Amino acid sequence: TERGVVTGEPRRFRVDGAAFPWQPVTAWAGPWPTDEGWWSGGAG
């Protein structure tokens, strides 16, 4: 969210769509939010 709150605990992830299978998340840390480049159309 805009306040840096995670909407749900990460449980599974996969990379590059269907090319790789889903993989369980055994540990995670974060988030580290940033808000940069919005004035020049950057990442925001």
All heavy atoms as atom14 arrays in JSON, in Angstrom:
{
  "sequence": "TERGVVTGEPRRFRVDGAAFPWQPVTAWAGPWPTDEGWWSGGAG",
  "atom14_mask": [
    [1, 1, 1, 1, 1, 1, 1, 0, 0, 0, 0, 0, 0, 0],
    [1, 1, 1, 1, 1, 1, 1, 1, 1, 0, 0, 0, 0, 0],
    [1, 1, 1, 1, 1, 1, 1, 1, 1, 1, 1, 0, 0, 0],
    [1, 1, 1, 1, 0, 0, 0, 0, 0, 0, 0, 0, 0, 0],
    [1, 1, 1, 1, 1, 1, 1, 0, 0, 0, 0, 0, 0, 0],
    [1, 1, 1, 1, 1, 1, 1, 0, 0, 0, 0, 0, 0, 0],
    [1, 1, 1, 1, 1, 1, 1, 0, 0, 0, 0, 0, 0, 0],
    [1, 1, 1, 1, 0, 0, 0, 0, 0, 0, 0, 0, 0, 0],
    [1, 1, 1, 1, 1, 1, 1, 1, 1, 0, 0, 0, 0, 0],
    [1, 1, 1, 1, 1, 1, 1, 0, 0, 0, 0, 0, 0, 0],
    [1, 1, 1, 1, 1, 1, 1, 1, 1, 1, 1, 0, 0, 0],
    [1, 1, 1, 1, 1, 1, 1, 1, 1, 1, 1, 0, 0, 0],
    [1, 1, 1, 1, 1, 1, 1, 1, 1, 1, 1, 0, 0, 0],
    [1, 1, 1, 1, 1, 1, 1, 1, 1, 1, 1, 0, 0, 0],
    [1, 1, 1, 1, 1, 1, 1, 0, 0, 0, 0, 0, 0, 0],
    [1, 1, 1, 1, 1, 1, 1, 1, 0, 0, 0, 0, 0, 0],
    [1, 1, 1, 1, 0, 0, 0, 0, 0, 0, 0, 0, 0, 0],
    [1, 1, 1, 1, 1, 0, 0, 0, 0, 0, 0, 0, 0, 0],
    [1, 1, 1, 1, 1, 0, 0, 0, 0, 0, 0, 0, 0, 0],
    [1, 1, 1, 1, 1, 1, 1, 1, 1, 1, 1, 0, 0, 0],
    [1, 1, 1, 1, 1, 1, 1, 0, 0, 0, 0, 0, 0, 0],
    [1, 1, 1, 1, 1, 1, 1, 1, 1, 1, 1, 1, 1, 1],
    [1, 1, 1, 1, 1, 1, 1, 1, 1, 0, 0, 0, 0, 0],
    [1, 1, 1, 1, 1, 1, 1, 0, 0, 0, 0, 0, 0, 0],
    [1, 1, 1, 1, 1, 1, 1, 0, 0, 0, 0, 0, 0, 0],
    [1, 1, 1, 1, 1, 1, 1, 0, 0, 0, 0, 0, 0, 0],
    [1, 1, 1, 1, 1, 0, 0, 0, 0, 0, 0, 0, 0, 0],
    [1, 1, 1, 1, 1, 1, 1, 1, 1, 1, 1, 1, 1, 1],
    [1, 1, 1, 1, 1, 0, 0, 0, 0, 0, 0, 0, 0, 0],
    [1, 1, 1, 1, 0, 0, 0, 0, 0, 0, 0, 0, 0, 0],
    [1, 1, 1, 1, 1, 1, 1, 0, 0, 0, 0, 0, 0, 0],
    [1, 1, 1, 1, 1, 1, 1, 1, 1, 1, 1, 1, 1, 1],
    [1, 1, 1, 1, 1, 1, 1, 0, 0, 0, 0, 0, 0, 0],
    [1, 1, 1, 1, 1, 1, 1, 0, 0, 0, 0, 0, 0, 0],
    [1, 1, 1, 1, 1, 1, 1, 1, 0, 0, 0, 0, 0, 0],
    [1, 1, 1, 1, 1, 1, 1, 1, 1, 0, 0, 0, 0, 0],
    [1, 1, 1, 1, 0, 0, 0, 0, 0, 0, 0, 0, 0, 0],
    [1, 1, 1, 1, 1, 1, 1, 1, 1, 1, 1, 1, 1, 1],
    [1, 1, 1, 1, 1, 1, 1, 1, 1, 1, 1, 1, 1, 1],
    [1, 1, 1, 1, 1, 1, 0, 0, 0, 0, 0, 0, 0, 0],
    [1, 1, 1, 1, 0, 0, 0, 0, 0, 0, 0, 0, 0, 0],
    [1, 1, 1, 1, 0, 0, 0, 0, 0, 0, 0, 0, 0, 0],
    [1, 1, 1, 1, 1, 0, 0, 0, 0, 0, 0, 0, 0, 0],
    [1, 1, 1, 1, 0, 0, 0, 0, 0, 0, 0, 0, 0, 0]
  ],
  "atom14_positions": [
    [[0.83, -1.2, 0.0], [0.0, 0.0, 0.0], [0.87, 1.26, 0.0], [2.1, 1.19, 0.13], [-0.91, 0.02, 1.23], [-0.1, 0.15, 2.41], [-1.72, -1.28, 1.32], [0.0, 0.0, 0.0], [0.0, 0.0, 0.0], [0.0, 0.0, 0.0], [0.0, 0.0, 0.0], [0.0, 0.0, 0.0], [0.0, 0.0, 0.0], [0.0, 0.0, 0.0]],
    [[0.2, 2.41, -0.12], [0.93, 3.68, -0.13], [1.64, 3.93, 1.19], [2.62, 4.67, 1.24], [-0.04, 4.82, -0.42], [-0.62, 4.79, -1.83], [-1.52, 5.98, -2.09], [-1.74, 6.78, -1.14], [-2.0, 6.13, -3.22], [0.0, 0.0, 0.0], [0.0, 0.0, 0.0], [0.0, 0.0, 0.0], [0.0, 0.0, 0.0], [0.0, 0.0, 0.0]],
    [[1.15, 3.31, 2.26], [1.8, 3.47, 3.56], [2.87, 2.41, 3.81], [3.4, 2.3, 4.91], [0.76, 3.41, 4.68], [-0.21, 4.58, 4.64], [-1.19, 4.5, 5.8], [-2.06, 5.66, 5.83], [-1.78, 6.81, 6.45], [-0.64, 6.94, 7.1], [-2.63, 7.81, 6.42], [0.0, 0.0, 0.0], [0.0, 0.0, 0.0], [0.0, 0.0, 0.0]],
    [[3.19, 1.59, 2.8], [4.23, 0.59, 2.93], [3.79, -0.68, 3.65], [4.63, -1.42, 4.18], [0.0, 0.0, 0.0], [0.0, 0.0, 0.0], [0.0, 0.0, 0.0], [0.0, 0.0, 0.0], [0.0, 0.0, 0.0], [0.0, 0.0, 0.0], [0.0, 0.0, 0.0], [0.0, 0.0, 0.0], [0.0, 0.0, 0.0], [0.0, 0.0, 0.0]],
    [[2.46, -0.96, 3.66], [1.93, -2.14, 4.33], [1.74, -3.25, 3.3], [1.19, -3.01, 2.21], [0.6, -1.82, 5.03], [0.03, -3.08, 5.69], [0.81, -0.73, 6.07], [0.0, 0.0, 0.0], [0.0, 0.0, 0.0], [0.0, 0.0, 0.0], [0.0, 0.0, 0.0], [0.0, 0.0, 0.0], [0.0, 0.0, 0.0], [0.0, 0.0, 0.0]],
    [[2.18, -4.48, 3.62], [2.04, -5.62, 2.73], [0.61, -6.17, 2.85], [0.1, -6.4, 3.96], [3.06, -6.72, 3.08], [2.97, -7.89, 2.1], [4.47, -6.15, 3.06], [0.0, 0.0, 0.0], [0.0, 0.0, 0.0], [0.0, 0.0, 0.0], [0.0, 0.0, 0.0], [0.0, 0.0, 0.0], [0.0, 0.0, 0.0], [0.0, 0.0, 0.0]],
    [[-0.06, -6.37, 1.7], [-1.46, -6.83, 1.71], [-1.59, -8.3, 2.08], [-2.67, -8.74, 2.47], [-2.08, -6.6, 0.33], [-1.32, -7.32, -0.67], [-2.09, -5.12, -0.02], [0.0, 0.0, 0.0], [0.0, 0.0, 0.0], [0.0, 0.0, 0.0], [0.0, 0.0, 0.0], [0.0, 0.0, 0.0], [0.0, 0.0, 0.0], [0.0, 0.0, 0.0]],
    [[-0.54, -9.08, 1.96], [-0.58, -10.48, 2.32], [0.82, -11.03, 2.47], [1.79, -10.5, 1.9], [0.0, 0.0, 0.0], [0.0, 0.0, 0.0], [0.0, 0.0, 0.0], [0.0, 0.0, 0.0], [0.0, 0.0, 0.0], [0.0, 0.0, 0.0], [0.0, 0.0, 0.0], [0.0, 0.0, 0.0], [0.0, 0.0, 0.0], [0.0, 0.0, 0.0]],
    [[0.94, -12.12, 3.22], [2.27, -12.7, 3.44], [2.68, -13.51, 2.22], [1.92, -14.38, 1.76], [2.24, -13.58, 4.67], [3.62, -14.09, 5.06], [3.6, -14.81, 6.4], [2.58, -14.69, 7.11], [4.59, -15.48, 6.71], [0.0, 0.0, 0.0], [0.0, 0.0, 0.0], [0.0, 0.0, 0.0], [0.0, 0.0, 0.0], [0.0, 0.0, 0.0]],
    [[3.87, -13.23, 1.63], [4.31, -14.0, 0.45], [4.45, -15.48, 0.77], [5.11, -15.87, 1.75], [5.68, -13.37, 0.11], [5.66, -12.02, 0.74], [4.83, -12.16, 1.98], [0.0, 0.0, 0.0], [0.0, 0.0, 0.0], [0.0, 0.0, 0.0], [0.0, 0.0, 0.0], [0.0, 0.0, 0.0], [0.0, 0.0, 0.0], [0.0, 0.0, 0.0]],
    [[3.78, -16.35, -0.07], [3.84, -17.78, 0.15], [4.47, -18.51, -1.03], [5.15, -19.52, -0.85], [2.43, -18.33, 0.38], [1.85, -17.99, 1.73], [2.73, -18.5, 2.86], [2.15, -18.28, 4.17], [2.77, -18.52, 5.31], [4.03, -18.97, 5.28], [2.18, -18.28, 6.46], [0.0, 0.0, 0.0], [0.0, 0.0, 0.0], [0.0, 0.0, 0.0]],
    [[4.23, -18.03, -2.25], [4.79, -18.67, -3.43], [5.25, -17.58, -4.41], [4.71, -16.47, -4.42], [3.76, -19.57, -4.11], [3.32, -20.77, -3.3], [2.37, -21.63, -4.12], [1.17, -20.89, -4.51], [0.43, -21.16, -5.57], [0.8, -22.16, -6.38], [-0.66, -20.47, -5.84], [0.0, 0.0, 0.0], [0.0, 0.0, 0.0], [0.0, 0.0, 0.0]],
    [[6.23, -17.94, -5.23], [6.68, -17.01, -6.27], [7.19, -17.82, -7.45], [7.56, -18.98, -7.33], [7.77, -16.07, -5.74], [9.12, -16.71, -5.6], [10.1, -16.55, -6.58], [9.43, -17.48, -4.49], [11.34, -17.14, -6.45], [10.67, -18.06, -4.35], [11.62, -17.89, -5.34], [0.0, 0.0, 0.0], [0.0, 0.0, 0.0], [0.0, 0.0, 0.0]],
    [[7.16, -17.2, -8.59], [7.78, -17.78, -9.78], [8.32, -16.66, -10.65], [7.87, -15.51, -10.56], [6.8, -18.65, -10.55], [5.65, -17.9, -11.21], [4.8, -18.85, -12.02], [3.66, -18.16, -12.61], [2.76, -18.77, -13.39], [2.88, -20.08, -13.64], [1.74, -18.1, -13.9], [0.0, 0.0, 0.0], [0.0, 0.0, 0.0], [0.0, 0.0, 0.0]],
    [[9.27, -17.02, -11.51], [9.97, -16.04, -12.35], [9.65, -16.32, -13.8], [9.58, -17.49, -14.22], [11.49, -16.1, -12.1], [12.21, -15.09, -12.98], [11.78, -15.86, -10.63], [0.0, 0.0, 0.0], [0.0, 0.0, 0.0], [0.0, 0.0, 0.0], [0.0, 0.0, 0.0], [0.0, 0.0, 0.0], [0.0, 0.0, 0.0], [0.0, 0.0, 0.0]],
    [[9.47, -15.27, -14.58], [9.32, -15.36, -16.04], [8.1, -16.19, -16.42], [8.15, -17.03, -17.32], [10.58, -15.95, -16.67], [10.72, -15.51, -18.14], [9.95, -14.63, -18.56], [11.58, -16.07, -18.82], [0.0, 0.0, 0.0], [0.0, 0.0, 0.0], [0.0, 0.0, 0.0], [0.0, 0.0, 0.0], [0.0, 0.0, 0.0], [0.0, 0.0, 0.0]],
    [[6.98, -15.95, -15.75], [5.71, -16.58, -16.12], [5.75, -18.09, -16.03], [6.25, -18.69, -15.07], [0.0, 0.0, 0.0], [0.0, 0.0, 0.0], [0.0, 0.0, 0.0], [0.0, 0.0, 0.0], [0.0, 0.0, 0.0], [0.0, 0.0, 0.0], [0.0, 0.0, 0.0], [0.0, 0.0, 0.0], [0.0, 0.0, 0.0], [0.0, 0.0, 0.0]],
    [[5.23, -18.76, -17.09], [5.11, -20.22, -17.07], [6.41, -20.93, -17.35], [6.47, -22.17, -17.33], [4.05, -20.64, -18.11], [0.0, 0.0, 0.0], [0.0, 0.0, 0.0], [0.0, 0.0, 0.0], [0.0, 0.0, 0.0], [0.0, 0.0, 0.0], [0.0, 0.0, 0.0], [0.0, 0.0, 0.0], [0.0, 0.0, 0.0], [0.0, 0.0, 0.0]],
    [[7.48, -20.23, -17.64], [8.75, -20.89, -17.96], [9.32, -21.6, -16.74], [10.08, -22.56, -16.88], [9.74, -19.86, -18.5], [0.0, 0.0, 0.0], [0.0, 0.0, 0.0], [0.0, 0.0, 0.0], [0.0, 0.0, 0.0], [0.0, 0.0, 0.0], [0.0, 0.0, 0.0], [0.0, 0.0, 0.0], [0.0, 0.0, 0.0], [0.0, 0.0, 0.0]],
    [[8.99, -21.14, -15.54], [9.5, -21.76, -14.32], [8.32, -22.09, -13.4], [7.35, -21.33, -13.34], [10.49, -20.82, -13.6], [11.74, -20.57, -14.39], [11.82, -19.49, -15.25], [12.83, -21.41, -14.25], [12.98, -19.24, -15.97], [13.99, -21.17, -14.98], [14.06, -20.09, -15.85], [0.0, 0.0, 0.0], [0.0, 0.0, 0.0], [0.0, 0.0, 0.0]],
    [[8.39, -23.17, -12.67], [7.27, -23.54, -11.79], [7.22, -22.65, -10.55], [8.19, -21.98, -10.2], [7.58, -25.0, -11.43], [9.08, -25.09, -11.52], [9.47, -24.18, -12.65], [0.0, 0.0, 0.0], [0.0, 0.0, 0.0], [0.0, 0.0, 0.0], [0.0, 0.0, 0.0], [0.0, 0.0, 0.0], [0.0, 0.0, 0.0], [0.0, 0.0, 0.0]],
    [[6.07, -22.71, -9.91], [5.92, -22.0, -8.65], [6.84, -22.62, -7.59], [7.06, -23.82, -7.57], [4.48, -22.09, -8.15], [3.52, -21.23, -8.94], [2.73, -21.63, -9.96], [3.28, -19.85, -8.74], [1.99, -20.58, -10.44], [2.32, -19.45, -9.7], [3.77, -18.88, -7.88], [1.84, -18.16, -9.81], [3.3, -17.58, -7.98], [2.35, -17.23, -8.92]],
    [[7.35, -21.78, -6.72], [8.26, -22.24, -5.68], [7.81, -21.68, -4.33], [7.52, -20.48, -4.22], [9.7, -21.79, -5.98], [10.72, -22.38, -5.04], [12.15, -22.05, -5.44], [13.07, -22.34, -4.72], [12.34, -21.45, -6.61], [0.0, 0.0, 0.0], [0.0, 0.0, 0.0], [0.0, 0.0, 0.0], [0.0, 0.0, 0.0], [0.0, 0.0, 0.0]],
    [[7.73, -22.53, -3.31], [7.31, -22.04, -1.99], [8.34, -21.06, -1.41], [9.54, -21.17, -1.65], [7.21, -23.3, -1.14], [7.14, -24.42, -2.1], [7.9, -24.0, -3.31], [0.0, 0.0, 0.0], [0.0, 0.0, 0.0], [0.0, 0.0, 0.0], [0.0, 0.0, 0.0], [0.0, 0.0, 0.0], [0.0, 0.0, 0.0], [0.0, 0.0, 0.0]],
    [[7.85, -20.11, -0.64], [8.7, -19.15, 0.07], [8.93, -19.67, 1.47], [7.97, -19.86, 2.24], [8.05, -17.75, 0.11], [8.89, -16.8, 0.96], [7.88, -17.21, -1.3], [0.0, 0.0, 0.0], [0.0, 0.0, 0.0], [0.0, 0.0, 0.0], [0.0, 0.0, 0.0], [0.0, 0.0, 0.0], [0.0, 0.0, 0.0], [0.0, 0.0, 0.0]],
    [[10.17, -19.96, 1.83], [10.49, -20.47, 3.16], [10.86, -19.34, 4.13], [10.75, -19.53, 5.35], [11.66, -21.46, 3.09], [12.8, -20.8, 2.53], [11.28, -22.64, 2.19], [0.0, 0.0, 0.0], [0.0, 0.0, 0.0], [0.0, 0.0, 0.0], [0.0, 0.0, 0.0], [0.0, 0.0, 0.0], [0.0, 0.0, 0.0], [0.0, 0.0, 0.0]],
    [[11.3, -18.21, 3.6], [11.63, -17.05, 4.45], [11.61, -15.8, 3.59], [11.88, -15.85, 2.39], [12.99, -17.24, 5.12], [0.0, 0.0, 0.0], [0.0, 0.0, 0.0], [0.0, 0.0, 0.0], [0.0, 0.0, 0.0], [0.0, 0.0, 0.0], [0.0, 0.0, 0.0], [0.0, 0.0, 0.0], [0.0, 0.0, 0.0], [0.0, 0.0, 0.0]],
    [[11.24, -14.69, 4.22], [11.24, -13.43, 3.47], [11.47, -12.27, 4.44], [11.26, -12.39, 5.65], [9.94, -13.26, 2.69], [8.7, -13.12, 3.55], [7.99, -14.12, 4.14], [8.06, -11.89, 3.93], [6.95, -13.64, 4.86], [6.94, -12.26, 4.73], [8.28, -10.56, 3.66], [6.09, -11.31, 5.28], [7.42, -9.6, 4.18], [6.35, -9.97, 4.99]],
    [[11.92, -11.16, 3.89], [12.16, -9.95, 4.67], [11.77, -8.75, 3.83], [11.88, -8.77, 2.6], [13.63, -9.85, 5.09], [0.0, 0.0, 0.0], [0.0, 0.0, 0.0], [0.0, 0.0, 0.0], [0.0, 0.0, 0.0], [0.0, 0.0, 0.0], [0.0, 0.0, 0.0], [0.0, 0.0, 0.0], [0.0, 0.0, 0.0], [0.0, 0.0, 0.0]],
    [[11.29, -7.71, 4.47], [10.88, -6.5, 3.78], [9.52, -6.05, 4.26], [9.0, -6.57, 5.25], [0.0, 0.0, 0.0], [0.0, 0.0, 0.0], [0.0, 0.0, 0.0], [0.0, 0.0, 0.0], [0.0, 0.0, 0.0], [0.0, 0.0, 0.0], [0.0, 0.0, 0.0], [0.0, 0.0, 0.0], [0.0, 0.0, 0.0], [0.0, 0.0, 0.0]],
    [[8.92, -5.1, 3.6], [9.46, -4.43, 2.4], [10.38, -3.26, 2.76], [10.32, -2.74, 3.86], [8.18, -3.92, 1.73], [7.28, -3.6, 2.89], [7.55, -4.65, 3.93], [0.0, 0.0, 0.0], [0.0, 0.0, 0.0], [0.0, 0.0, 0.0], [0.0, 0.0, 0.0], [0.0, 0.0, 0.0], [0.0, 0.0, 0.0], [0.0, 0.0, 0.0]],
    [[11.2, -2.87, 1.77], [11.98, -1.64, 1.84], [11.41, -0.69, 0.78], [11.81, -0.75, -0.4], [13.46, -1.92, 1.58], [14.13, -2.63, 2.72], [14.66, -2.06, 3.84], [14.35, -4.03, 2.85], [15.18, -3.02, 4.66], [15.01, -4.25, 4.08], [14.04, -5.13, 2.05], [15.38, -5.5, 4.52], [14.4, -6.39, 2.5], [15.07, -6.58, 3.72]],
    [[10.48, 0.16, 1.17], [9.8, 1.01, 0.18], [10.66, 2.21, -0.23], [11.45, 2.73, 0.55], [8.54, 1.47, 0.91], [8.91, 1.42, 2.36], [9.93, 0.33, 2.52], [0.0, 0.0, 0.0], [0.0, 0.0, 0.0], [0.0, 0.0, 0.0], [0.0, 0.0, 0.0], [0.0, 0.0, 0.0], [0.0, 0.0, 0.0], [0.0, 0.0, 0.0]],
    [[10.52, 2.63, -1.46], [11.16, 3.84, -1.99], [10.15, 4.57, -2.85], [9.22, 3.96, -3.39], [12.41, 3.52, -2.83], [12.03, 2.69, -3.93], [13.47, 2.83, -2.0], [0.0, 0.0, 0.0], [0.0, 0.0, 0.0], [0.0, 0.0, 0.0], [0.0, 0.0, 0.0], [0.0, 0.0, 0.0], [0.0, 0.0, 0.0], [0.0, 0.0, 0.0]],
    [[10.32, 5.86, -2.95], [9.47, 6.69, -3.81], [10.39, 7.69, -4.49], [10.63, 8.78, -3.97], [8.4, 7.39, -2.98], [7.34, 8.05, -3.85], [7.42, 7.89, -5.08], [6.45, 8.74, -3.31], [0.0, 0.0, 0.0], [0.0, 0.0, 0.0], [0.0, 0.0, 0.0], [0.0, 0.0, 0.0], [0.0, 0.0, 0.0], [0.0, 0.0, 0.0]],
    [[10.92, 7.33, -5.63], [11.93, 8.16, -6.29], [11.64, 8.23, -7.78], [11.03, 7.34, -8.37], [13.33, 7.57, -6.08], [13.47, 6.13, -6.53], [14.83, 5.55, -6.21], [15.73, 6.31, -5.84], [14.99, 4.33, -6.34], [0.0, 0.0, 0.0], [0.0, 0.0, 0.0], [0.0, 0.0, 0.0], [0.0, 0.0, 0.0], [0.0, 0.0, 0.0]],
    [[12.09, 9.32, -8.37], [11.96, 9.5, -9.81], [10.57, 9.86, -10.27], [10.34, 10.01, -11.48], [0.0, 0.0, 0.0], [0.0, 0.0, 0.0], [0.0, 0.0, 0.0], [0.0, 0.0, 0.0], [0.0, 0.0, 0.0], [0.0, 0.0, 0.0], [0.0, 0.0, 0.0], [0.0, 0.0, 0.0], [0.0, 0.0, 0.0], [0.0, 0.0, 0.0]],
    [[9.62, 10.08, -9.33], [8.26, 10.41, -9.77], [8.19, 11.76, -10.46], [7.33, 12.0, -11.3], [7.31, 10.37, -8.57], [7.79, 11.21, -7.41], [8.52, 10.78, -6.35], [7.58, 12.61, -7.21], [8.79, 11.82, -5.49], [8.21, 12.96, -6.0], [6.93, 13.6, -7.93], [8.2, 14.25, -5.51], [6.9, 14.89, -7.44], [7.54, 15.21, -6.24]],
    [[9.12, 12.67, -10.12], [9.08, 14.01, -10.71], [9.54, 14.01, -12.17], [9.31, 14.97, -12.89], [9.96, 14.94, -9.89], [11.37, 14.44, -9.75], [12.41, 14.64, -10.59], [11.87, 13.62, -8.69], [13.53, 14.01, -10.15], [13.23, 13.37, -8.97], [11.32, 13.08, -7.54], [14.03, 12.61, -8.13], [12.13, 12.32, -6.71], [13.46, 12.09, -7.01]],
    [[10.22, 12.94, -12.59], [10.7, 12.87, -13.98], [10.12, 11.67, -14.71], [10.69, 11.22, -15.7], [12.22, 12.8, -14.0], [12.68, 11.67, -13.29], [0.0, 0.0, 0.0], [0.0, 0.0, 0.0], [0.0, 0.0, 0.0], [0.0, 0.0, 0.0], [0.0, 0.0, 0.0], [0.0, 0.0, 0.0], [0.0, 0.0, 0.0], [0.0, 0.0, 0.0]],
    [[9.0, 11.12, -14.23], [8.4, 9.97, -14.9], [9.16, 8.69, -14.67], [9.1, 7.77, -15.48], [0.0, 0.0, 0.0], [0.0, 0.0, 0.0], [0.0, 0.0, 0.0], [0.0, 0.0, 0.0], [0.0, 0.0, 0.0], [0.0, 0.0, 0.0], [0.0, 0.0, 0.0], [0.0, 0.0, 0.0], [0.0, 0.0, 0.0], [0.0, 0.0, 0.0]],
    [[9.89, 8.6, -13.56], [10.7, 7.42, -13.28], [9.9, 6.31, -12.63], [8.7, 6.15, -12.84], [0.0, 0.0, 0.0], [0.0, 0.0, 0.0], [0.0, 0.0, 0.0], [0.0, 0.0, 0.0], [0.0, 0.0, 0.0], [0.0, 0.0, 0.0], [0.0, 0.0, 0.0], [0.0, 0.0, 0.0], [0.0, 0.0, 0.0], [0.0, 0.0, 0.0]],
    [[10.59, 5.53, -11.76], [9.98, 4.34, -11.18], [8.82, 4.67, -10.26], [7.85, 3.92, -10.17], [11.05, 3.54, -10.42], [0.0, 0.0, 0.0], [0.0, 0.0, 0.0], [0.0, 0.0, 0.0], [0.0, 0.0, 0.0], [0.0, 0.0, 0.0], [0.0, 0.0, 0.0], [0.0, 0.0, 0.0], [0.0, 0.0, 0.0], [0.0, 0.0, 0.0]],
    [[8.88, 5.81, -9.56], [7.83, 6.14, -8.63], [7.91, 5.29, -7.38], [8.97, 4.89, -6.93], [0.0, 0.0, 0.0], [0.0, 0.0, 0.0], [0.0, 0.0, 0.0], [0.0, 0.0, 0.0], [0.0, 0.0, 0.0], [0.0, 0.0, 0.0], [0.0, 0.0, 0.0], [0.0, 0.0, 0.0], [0.0, 0.0, 0.0], [0.0, 0.0, 0.0]]
  ]
}
